[in-house]
């Protein structure tokens, strides 16, 4: 059996979103144990011009839902960026996991042959096929936001490591 666009996208994004949800659980527990206001962690950023933790989680979720939608030929659904608590962020992750899991392998693999256009800084950026979109944009963008969210949580003193990132444990 050949390795497919679906195999390289949906299961990986679901797993990493589940791991990100687990990281948020650990962040919430850390905040409670140390008497830290959750908003302090959720609003933290690595640099003044970077997204905060909430926006990194939202962006990771957005990358997953938009990626699945674009590969399948659908228009990505819109979610308001209104989450301000760990539970709300975890709810968004759960909603996106359910959405991306609703696609069949056939729907996602069909994107391998068609061009995909995304907005990039107000201009359309065209990928000649779904494979290029997946490897040149979707996967790097998705992991950028998951990794940055992990880094923000770690920066706040939460005792997590590489295995938490990779397995959620």
N, C-alpha and C. Protein backbone atom coordinates (compact mmCIF):
# COMPACT_ATOMS: atom_id res chain seq x y z
N UNK A 1 0.85 -1.18 0.00
CA UNK A 1 0.00 0.00 0.00
C UNK A 1 0.90 1.25 0.00
N UNK A 2 0.58 2.19 -0.83
CA UNK A 2 1.36 3.42 -0.95
C UNK A 2 1.02 4.39 0.19
N UNK A 3 2.02 5.15 0.59
CA UNK A 3 1.85 6.21 1.57
C UNK A 3 1.18 7.38 0.86
N UNK A 4 0.12 7.93 1.44
CA UNK A 4 -0.71 8.90 0.73
C UNK A 4 -0.69 10.29 1.38
N UNK A 5 -1.28 11.24 0.68
CA UNK A 5 -1.46 12.60 1.21
C UNK A 5 -2.23 12.52 2.54
N UNK A 6 -3.27 11.71 2.57
CA UNK A 6 -4.04 11.53 3.80
C UNK A 6 -3.14 11.03 4.93
N UNK A 7 -2.37 9.97 4.65
CA UNK A 7 -1.49 9.39 5.67
C UNK A 7 -0.52 10.42 6.25
N UNK A 8 -0.07 11.34 5.41
CA UNK A 8 0.92 12.33 5.82
C UNK A 8 0.30 13.55 6.49
N UNK A 9 -1.02 13.62 6.51
CA UNK A 9 -1.64 14.84 7.02
C UNK A 9 -2.60 14.59 8.19
N UNK A 10 -3.73 14.00 7.93
CA UNK A 10 -4.79 13.94 8.94
C UNK A 10 -4.37 13.22 10.22
N UNK A 11 -3.87 11.99 10.16
CA UNK A 11 -3.49 11.33 11.43
C UNK A 11 -2.42 12.11 12.20
N UNK A 12 -1.45 12.69 11.49
CA UNK A 12 -0.39 13.45 12.14
C UNK A 12 -0.96 14.70 12.81
N UNK A 13 -1.82 15.42 12.12
CA UNK A 13 -2.38 16.64 12.71
C UNK A 13 -3.27 16.31 13.90
N UNK A 14 -4.05 15.26 13.80
CA UNK A 14 -4.90 14.85 14.93
C UNK A 14 -4.04 14.51 16.14
N UNK A 15 -3.02 13.72 15.92
CA UNK A 15 -2.15 13.33 17.03
C UNK A 15 -1.50 14.56 17.68
N UNK A 16 -0.98 15.47 16.88
CA UNK A 16 -0.30 16.63 17.43
C UNK A 16 -1.29 17.58 18.12
N UNK A 17 -2.50 17.68 17.61
CA UNK A 17 -3.51 18.49 18.29
C UNK A 17 -3.90 17.86 19.63
N UNK A 18 -3.98 16.54 19.67
CA UNK A 18 -4.24 15.86 20.95
C UNK A 18 -3.09 16.11 21.92
N UNK A 19 -1.85 16.06 21.42
CA UNK A 19 -0.70 16.34 22.27
C UNK A 19 -0.74 17.79 22.77
N UNK A 20 -1.12 18.71 21.89
CA UNK A 20 -1.22 20.11 22.28
C UNK A 20 -2.28 20.29 23.36
N UNK A 21 -3.37 19.58 23.24
CA UNK A 21 -4.41 19.64 24.27
C UNK A 21 -3.87 19.13 25.60
N UNK A 22 -3.09 18.09 25.57
CA UNK A 22 -2.46 17.56 26.79
C UNK A 22 -1.48 18.57 27.38
N UNK A 23 -0.75 19.26 26.52
CA UNK A 23 0.18 20.30 26.99
C UNK A 23 -0.61 21.41 27.69
N UNK A 24 -1.77 21.77 27.15
CA UNK A 24 -2.60 22.78 27.79
C UNK A 24 -3.12 22.30 29.14
N UNK A 25 -3.42 21.01 29.26
CA UNK A 25 -3.81 20.45 30.56
C UNK A 25 -2.69 20.63 31.58
N UNK A 26 -1.48 20.33 31.15
CA UNK A 26 -0.33 20.47 32.04
C UNK A 26 -0.09 21.93 32.41
N UNK A 27 -0.31 22.83 31.46
CA UNK A 27 -0.17 24.26 31.74
C UNK A 27 -1.21 24.72 32.75
N UNK A 28 -2.44 24.27 32.60
CA UNK A 28 -3.50 24.65 33.53
C UNK A 28 -3.20 24.12 34.93
N UNK A 29 -2.74 22.88 35.01
CA UNK A 29 -2.40 22.29 36.32
C UNK A 29 -1.23 23.05 36.95
N UNK A 30 -0.25 23.41 36.16
CA UNK A 30 0.90 24.18 36.66
C UNK A 30 0.44 25.53 37.20
N UNK A 31 -0.40 26.22 36.43
CA UNK A 31 -0.90 27.53 36.86
C UNK A 31 -1.63 27.40 38.19
N UNK A 32 -2.48 26.39 38.32
CA UNK A 32 -3.23 26.20 39.56
C UNK A 32 -2.29 25.89 40.72
N UNK A 33 -1.32 25.02 40.49
CA UNK A 33 -0.40 24.61 41.56
C UNK A 33 0.51 25.75 42.01
N UNK A 34 0.87 26.62 41.11
CA UNK A 34 1.81 27.71 41.42
C UNK A 34 1.12 29.04 41.70
N UNK A 35 -0.21 29.06 41.65
CA UNK A 35 -0.94 30.29 41.90
C UNK A 35 -0.77 31.33 40.80
N UNK A 36 -0.55 30.87 39.59
CA UNK A 36 -0.38 31.76 38.45
C UNK A 36 -1.76 31.97 37.80
N UNK A 37 -2.09 33.19 37.49
CA UNK A 37 -3.33 33.45 36.76
C UNK A 37 -3.23 32.81 35.38
N UNK A 38 -4.18 31.96 34.98
CA UNK A 38 -4.12 31.35 33.66
C UNK A 38 -3.95 32.37 32.53
N UNK A 39 -4.58 33.52 32.67
CA UNK A 39 -4.47 34.56 31.63
C UNK A 39 -3.03 34.99 31.41
N UNK A 40 -2.22 34.96 32.47
CA UNK A 40 -0.81 35.33 32.34
C UNK A 40 -0.11 34.39 31.36
N UNK A 41 -0.40 33.11 31.47
CA UNK A 41 0.20 32.13 30.57
C UNK A 41 -0.40 32.23 29.17
N UNK A 42 -1.70 32.36 29.11
CA UNK A 42 -2.40 32.36 27.82
C UNK A 42 -2.04 33.60 27.00
N UNK A 43 -1.73 34.70 27.66
CA UNK A 43 -1.40 35.94 26.96
C UNK A 43 0.10 36.11 26.72
N UNK A 44 0.91 35.13 27.17
CA UNK A 44 2.36 35.27 27.00
C UNK A 44 2.76 35.05 25.54
N UNK A 45 3.86 35.72 25.16
CA UNK A 45 4.42 35.53 23.82
C UNK A 45 5.93 35.50 23.93
N UNK A 46 6.59 34.96 22.92
CA UNK A 46 8.05 34.88 22.94
C UNK A 46 8.71 36.21 22.61
N UNK A 47 8.03 37.04 21.86
CA UNK A 47 8.55 38.36 21.48
C UNK A 47 7.35 39.27 21.27
N UNK A 48 7.55 40.56 21.41
CA UNK A 48 6.42 41.50 21.28
C UNK A 48 5.67 41.40 19.95
N UNK A 49 6.36 41.02 18.89
CA UNK A 49 5.70 40.97 17.58
C UNK A 49 5.22 39.56 17.21
N UNK A 50 5.21 38.64 18.19
CA UNK A 50 4.73 37.28 17.93
C UNK A 50 3.37 37.07 18.59
N UNK A 51 2.63 36.12 18.06
CA UNK A 51 1.35 35.75 18.64
C UNK A 51 1.55 35.21 20.05
N UNK A 52 0.52 35.43 20.89
CA UNK A 52 0.54 34.86 22.23
C UNK A 52 0.12 33.39 22.19
N UNK A 53 0.12 32.75 23.36
CA UNK A 53 -0.21 31.32 23.42
C UNK A 53 -1.58 31.03 22.83
N UNK A 54 -2.58 31.83 23.20
CA UNK A 54 -3.93 31.58 22.66
C UNK A 54 -3.91 31.60 21.14
N UNK A 55 -3.26 32.60 20.58
CA UNK A 55 -3.25 32.73 19.11
C UNK A 55 -2.42 31.63 18.46
N UNK A 56 -1.38 31.15 19.14
CA UNK A 56 -0.60 30.02 18.59
C UNK A 56 -1.47 28.77 18.52
N UNK A 57 -2.25 28.52 19.58
CA UNK A 57 -3.14 27.35 19.59
C UNK A 57 -4.21 27.52 18.51
N UNK A 58 -4.80 28.70 18.43
CA UNK A 58 -5.81 28.96 17.39
C UNK A 58 -5.22 28.76 16.00
N UNK A 59 -4.00 29.23 15.80
CA UNK A 59 -3.36 29.13 14.50
C UNK A 59 -3.02 27.68 14.14
N UNK A 60 -2.59 26.89 15.11
CA UNK A 60 -2.34 25.47 14.85
C UNK A 60 -3.65 24.79 14.44
N UNK A 61 -4.72 25.08 15.18
CA UNK A 61 -6.02 24.50 14.84
C UNK A 61 -6.49 24.98 13.47
N UNK A 62 -6.30 26.26 13.19
CA UNK A 62 -6.68 26.80 11.89
C UNK A 62 -5.91 26.15 10.75
N UNK A 63 -4.62 25.91 10.97
CA UNK A 63 -3.80 25.27 9.93
C UNK A 63 -4.35 23.88 9.62
N UNK A 64 -4.71 23.14 10.66
CA UNK A 64 -5.23 21.78 10.46
C UNK A 64 -6.56 21.80 9.71
N UNK A 65 -7.49 22.64 10.15
CA UNK A 65 -8.80 22.65 9.50
C UNK A 65 -8.71 23.19 8.08
N UNK A 66 -7.91 24.24 7.87
CA UNK A 66 -7.76 24.80 6.53
C UNK A 66 -7.05 23.81 5.62
N UNK A 67 -6.06 23.12 6.15
CA UNK A 67 -5.35 22.13 5.34
C UNK A 67 -6.25 21.02 4.88
N UNK A 68 -7.03 20.47 5.79
CA UNK A 68 -7.96 19.39 5.42
C UNK A 68 -8.98 19.90 4.41
N UNK A 69 -9.52 21.07 4.65
CA UNK A 69 -10.52 21.62 3.74
C UNK A 69 -9.92 21.85 2.35
N UNK A 70 -8.77 22.48 2.29
CA UNK A 70 -8.17 22.79 0.99
C UNK A 70 -7.80 21.52 0.23
N UNK A 71 -7.24 20.55 0.94
CA UNK A 71 -6.89 19.31 0.25
C UNK A 71 -8.12 18.60 -0.29
N UNK A 72 -9.24 18.73 0.39
CA UNK A 72 -10.47 18.07 -0.05
C UNK A 72 -11.25 18.90 -1.07
N UNK A 73 -10.82 20.13 -1.29
CA UNK A 73 -11.53 21.00 -2.24
C UNK A 73 -12.63 21.81 -1.62
N UNK A 74 -12.73 21.82 -0.29
CA UNK A 74 -13.75 22.59 0.40
C UNK A 74 -13.20 23.94 0.86
N UNK A 75 -14.08 24.81 1.25
CA UNK A 75 -13.69 26.08 1.84
C UNK A 75 -13.56 25.87 3.34
N UNK A 76 -12.45 26.30 3.93
CA UNK A 76 -12.28 26.09 5.37
C UNK A 76 -13.36 26.83 6.16
N UNK A 77 -13.86 26.21 7.23
CA UNK A 77 -14.83 26.90 8.08
C UNK A 77 -14.14 28.00 8.86
N UNK A 78 -14.89 28.97 9.29
CA UNK A 78 -14.35 30.08 10.06
C UNK A 78 -14.71 29.90 11.53
N UNK A 79 -13.73 30.13 12.39
CA UNK A 79 -13.97 30.14 13.83
C UNK A 79 -13.50 31.48 14.36
N UNK A 80 -14.33 32.10 15.18
CA UNK A 80 -13.92 33.36 15.81
C UNK A 80 -12.80 33.07 16.80
N UNK A 81 -11.84 33.96 16.87
CA UNK A 81 -10.71 33.79 17.78
C UNK A 81 -11.04 34.44 19.13
N UNK A 82 -11.93 33.80 19.87
CA UNK A 82 -12.43 34.39 21.11
C UNK A 82 -12.01 33.62 22.37
N UNK A 83 -11.23 32.57 22.21
CA UNK A 83 -10.87 31.74 23.36
C UNK A 83 -9.91 32.49 24.29
N UNK A 84 -10.23 32.47 25.58
CA UNK A 84 -9.39 33.17 26.57
C UNK A 84 -9.03 32.29 27.75
N UNK A 85 -9.48 31.03 27.75
CA UNK A 85 -9.19 30.11 28.86
C UNK A 85 -8.61 28.82 28.29
N UNK A 86 -7.97 28.05 29.16
CA UNK A 86 -7.45 26.75 28.72
C UNK A 86 -8.58 25.86 28.23
N UNK A 87 -9.70 25.84 28.93
CA UNK A 87 -10.83 25.00 28.51
C UNK A 87 -11.38 25.42 27.15
N UNK A 88 -11.46 26.71 26.91
CA UNK A 88 -11.93 27.18 25.61
C UNK A 88 -10.96 26.80 24.49
N UNK A 89 -9.67 26.92 24.76
CA UNK A 89 -8.67 26.53 23.76
C UNK A 89 -8.75 25.03 23.48
N UNK A 90 -8.91 24.25 24.54
CA UNK A 90 -9.07 22.80 24.36
C UNK A 90 -10.35 22.48 23.60
N UNK A 91 -11.40 23.25 23.81
CA UNK A 91 -12.64 23.07 23.07
C UNK A 91 -12.45 23.32 21.59
N UNK A 92 -11.68 24.35 21.27
CA UNK A 92 -11.40 24.63 19.86
C UNK A 92 -10.61 23.48 19.23
N UNK A 93 -9.63 22.98 19.95
CA UNK A 93 -8.86 21.85 19.45
C UNK A 93 -9.78 20.66 19.19
N UNK A 94 -10.65 20.36 20.14
CA UNK A 94 -11.56 19.22 19.99
C UNK A 94 -12.48 19.40 18.78
N UNK A 95 -12.96 20.62 18.59
CA UNK A 95 -13.83 20.90 17.45
C UNK A 95 -13.09 20.67 16.12
N UNK A 96 -11.85 21.10 16.08
CA UNK A 96 -11.06 20.94 14.85
C UNK A 96 -10.70 19.48 14.63
N UNK A 97 -10.37 18.76 15.69
CA UNK A 97 -10.09 17.33 15.53
C UNK A 97 -11.30 16.63 14.92
N UNK A 98 -12.48 16.90 15.44
CA UNK A 98 -13.70 16.27 14.90
C UNK A 98 -13.88 16.64 13.43
N UNK A 99 -13.60 17.89 13.09
CA UNK A 99 -13.74 18.34 11.70
C UNK A 99 -12.77 17.61 10.78
N UNK A 100 -11.48 17.58 11.12
CA UNK A 100 -10.53 16.95 10.21
C UNK A 100 -10.73 15.44 10.14
N UNK A 101 -11.21 14.85 11.23
CA UNK A 101 -11.49 13.41 11.19
C UNK A 101 -12.73 13.08 10.36
N UNK A 102 -13.53 14.07 10.01
CA UNK A 102 -14.72 13.81 9.21
C UNK A 102 -14.40 13.56 7.73
N UNK A 103 -13.17 13.86 7.32
CA UNK A 103 -12.78 13.65 5.93
C UNK A 103 -12.34 12.22 5.70
N UNK A 104 -12.70 11.69 4.55
CA UNK A 104 -12.25 10.36 4.18
C UNK A 104 -10.89 10.45 3.51
N UNK A 105 -10.14 9.36 3.52
CA UNK A 105 -8.87 9.36 2.78
C UNK A 105 -9.06 9.75 1.31
N UNK A 106 -10.14 9.30 0.70
CA UNK A 106 -10.38 9.63 -0.71
C UNK A 106 -10.53 11.13 -0.93
N UNK A 107 -11.24 11.80 -0.02
CA UNK A 107 -11.41 13.25 -0.14
C UNK A 107 -10.07 13.98 -0.05
N UNK A 108 -9.26 13.60 0.90
CA UNK A 108 -7.97 14.26 1.10
C UNK A 108 -7.01 13.91 -0.04
N UNK A 109 -6.94 12.65 -0.41
CA UNK A 109 -6.02 12.23 -1.47
C UNK A 109 -6.35 12.87 -2.81
N UNK A 110 -7.61 13.22 -3.02
CA UNK A 110 -8.00 13.88 -4.28
C UNK A 110 -7.28 15.20 -4.45
N UNK A 111 -6.88 15.83 -3.35
CA UNK A 111 -6.17 17.09 -3.43
C UNK A 111 -4.75 16.96 -3.94
N UNK A 112 -4.26 15.75 -4.02
CA UNK A 112 -2.89 15.54 -4.49
C UNK A 112 -2.67 15.97 -5.92
N UNK A 113 -3.70 15.99 -6.71
CA UNK A 113 -3.56 16.27 -8.14
C UNK A 113 -4.00 17.67 -8.55
N UNK A 114 -4.67 18.39 -7.68
CA UNK A 114 -5.17 19.71 -8.08
C UNK A 114 -4.34 20.82 -7.47
N UNK A 115 -4.32 21.95 -8.13
CA UNK A 115 -3.61 23.10 -7.57
C UNK A 115 -4.40 23.64 -6.39
N UNK A 116 -3.68 24.24 -5.47
CA UNK A 116 -4.29 24.81 -4.27
C UNK A 116 -3.77 26.23 -4.12
N UNK A 117 -4.71 27.16 -3.97
CA UNK A 117 -4.36 28.57 -3.82
C UNK A 117 -4.71 29.02 -2.41
N UNK A 118 -3.76 29.69 -1.80
CA UNK A 118 -3.99 30.23 -0.46
C UNK A 118 -3.69 31.72 -0.48
N UNK A 119 -4.34 32.48 0.41
CA UNK A 119 -3.98 33.89 0.53
C UNK A 119 -2.68 34.01 1.33
N UNK A 120 -1.77 34.79 0.84
CA UNK A 120 -0.50 35.01 1.54
C UNK A 120 -0.17 36.49 1.49
N UNK A 121 -0.36 37.16 2.62
CA UNK A 121 -0.10 38.60 2.73
C UNK A 121 -0.86 39.39 1.67
N UNK A 122 -2.12 39.02 1.51
CA UNK A 122 -3.00 39.74 0.60
C UNK A 122 -2.88 39.34 -0.85
N UNK A 123 -1.99 38.44 -1.16
CA UNK A 123 -1.80 37.98 -2.53
C UNK A 123 -2.04 36.47 -2.60
N UNK A 124 -2.58 35.99 -3.71
CA UNK A 124 -2.76 34.54 -3.83
C UNK A 124 -1.41 33.84 -4.04
N UNK A 125 -1.23 32.73 -3.38
CA UNK A 125 -0.05 31.89 -3.59
C UNK A 125 -0.56 30.54 -4.09
N UNK A 126 -0.08 30.13 -5.24
CA UNK A 126 -0.59 28.92 -5.88
C UNK A 126 0.44 27.80 -5.75
N UNK A 127 -0.03 26.67 -5.28
CA UNK A 127 0.77 25.44 -5.24
C UNK A 127 0.28 24.57 -6.39
N UNK A 128 1.18 24.01 -7.15
CA UNK A 128 0.78 23.27 -8.35
C UNK A 128 -0.02 22.02 -8.04
N UNK A 129 0.16 21.48 -6.81
CA UNK A 129 -0.63 20.31 -6.41
C UNK A 129 -0.67 20.19 -4.89
N UNK A 130 -1.51 19.30 -4.43
CA UNK A 130 -1.68 19.12 -2.99
C UNK A 130 -0.44 18.64 -2.28
N UNK A 131 0.39 17.87 -2.96
CA UNK A 131 1.63 17.41 -2.36
C UNK A 131 2.55 18.57 -2.05
N UNK A 132 2.67 19.50 -2.99
CA UNK A 132 3.49 20.68 -2.74
C UNK A 132 2.90 21.53 -1.62
N UNK A 133 1.59 21.71 -1.63
CA UNK A 133 0.93 22.46 -0.56
C UNK A 133 1.21 21.82 0.79
N UNK A 134 1.07 20.49 0.86
CA UNK A 134 1.27 19.76 2.11
C UNK A 134 2.69 19.92 2.62
N UNK A 135 3.67 19.70 1.76
CA UNK A 135 5.06 19.67 2.22
C UNK A 135 5.72 21.04 2.32
N UNK A 136 5.28 21.99 1.50
CA UNK A 136 5.92 23.30 1.49
C UNK A 136 5.22 24.33 2.38
N UNK A 137 3.96 24.08 2.73
CA UNK A 137 3.25 25.06 3.53
C UNK A 137 2.52 24.45 4.73
N UNK A 138 1.61 23.52 4.49
CA UNK A 138 0.74 23.03 5.56
C UNK A 138 1.54 22.44 6.73
N UNK A 139 2.39 21.47 6.46
CA UNK A 139 3.12 20.83 7.55
C UNK A 139 4.05 21.82 8.26
N UNK A 140 4.88 22.60 7.53
CA UNK A 140 5.73 23.55 8.27
C UNK A 140 4.93 24.58 9.08
N UNK A 141 3.86 25.09 8.51
CA UNK A 141 3.05 26.09 9.22
C UNK A 141 2.40 25.48 10.46
N UNK A 142 1.82 24.31 10.31
CA UNK A 142 1.19 23.63 11.44
C UNK A 142 2.19 23.41 12.57
N UNK A 143 3.36 22.85 12.24
CA UNK A 143 4.35 22.57 13.28
C UNK A 143 4.95 23.84 13.86
N UNK A 144 5.05 24.90 13.09
CA UNK A 144 5.53 26.17 13.64
C UNK A 144 4.65 26.59 14.82
N UNK A 145 3.34 26.55 14.64
CA UNK A 145 2.44 27.01 15.69
C UNK A 145 2.36 26.04 16.86
N UNK A 146 2.38 24.74 16.61
CA UNK A 146 2.37 23.77 17.71
C UNK A 146 3.66 23.91 18.52
N UNK A 147 4.79 24.01 17.82
CA UNK A 147 6.08 24.12 18.51
C UNK A 147 6.18 25.42 19.30
N UNK A 148 5.69 26.51 18.73
CA UNK A 148 5.74 27.78 19.45
C UNK A 148 4.84 27.74 20.68
N UNK A 149 3.68 27.11 20.58
CA UNK A 149 2.81 26.96 21.75
C UNK A 149 3.52 26.14 22.82
N UNK A 150 4.16 25.05 22.42
CA UNK A 150 4.93 24.24 23.36
C UNK A 150 6.00 25.09 24.04
N UNK A 151 6.74 25.87 23.25
CA UNK A 151 7.80 26.71 23.79
C UNK A 151 7.28 27.74 24.78
N UNK A 152 6.14 28.31 24.49
CA UNK A 152 5.55 29.30 25.40
C UNK A 152 5.17 28.65 26.74
N UNK A 153 4.60 27.48 26.68
CA UNK A 153 4.23 26.77 27.91
C UNK A 153 5.48 26.40 28.70
N UNK A 154 6.48 25.91 27.99
CA UNK A 154 7.74 25.54 28.64
C UNK A 154 8.40 26.76 29.26
N UNK A 155 8.36 27.88 28.56
CA UNK A 155 8.96 29.12 29.06
C UNK A 155 8.31 29.57 30.37
N UNK A 156 7.05 29.22 30.57
CA UNK A 156 6.33 29.60 31.78
C UNK A 156 6.63 28.66 32.95
N UNK A 157 7.54 27.72 32.74
CA UNK A 157 7.98 26.85 33.84
C UNK A 157 7.27 25.52 33.93
N UNK A 158 6.40 25.22 32.98
CA UNK A 158 5.69 23.94 33.01
C UNK A 158 6.70 22.84 32.70
N UNK A 159 6.70 21.81 33.53
CA UNK A 159 7.66 20.72 33.37
C UNK A 159 7.17 19.74 32.32
N UNK A 160 7.49 20.08 31.09
CA UNK A 160 7.20 19.22 29.95
C UNK A 160 8.50 19.07 29.17
N UNK A 161 8.56 18.05 28.37
CA UNK A 161 9.76 17.82 27.56
C UNK A 161 9.39 17.32 26.18
N UNK A 162 10.41 16.87 25.50
CA UNK A 162 10.23 16.41 24.13
C UNK A 162 9.18 15.30 24.02
N UNK A 163 9.17 14.38 24.97
CA UNK A 163 8.20 13.28 24.90
C UNK A 163 6.78 13.77 25.10
N UNK A 164 6.60 14.84 25.88
CA UNK A 164 5.27 15.43 26.01
C UNK A 164 4.83 15.99 24.67
N UNK A 165 5.74 16.66 23.99
CA UNK A 165 5.45 17.21 22.65
C UNK A 165 5.10 16.08 21.69
N UNK A 166 5.85 15.01 21.73
CA UNK A 166 5.67 13.92 20.77
C UNK A 166 4.54 12.96 21.11
N UNK A 167 4.25 12.80 22.40
CA UNK A 167 3.26 11.79 22.80
C UNK A 167 2.11 12.32 23.65
N UNK A 168 2.26 13.54 24.16
CA UNK A 168 1.23 14.09 25.03
C UNK A 168 1.37 13.68 26.47
N UNK A 169 2.31 12.80 26.78
CA UNK A 169 2.51 12.29 28.15
C UNK A 169 3.57 13.09 28.87
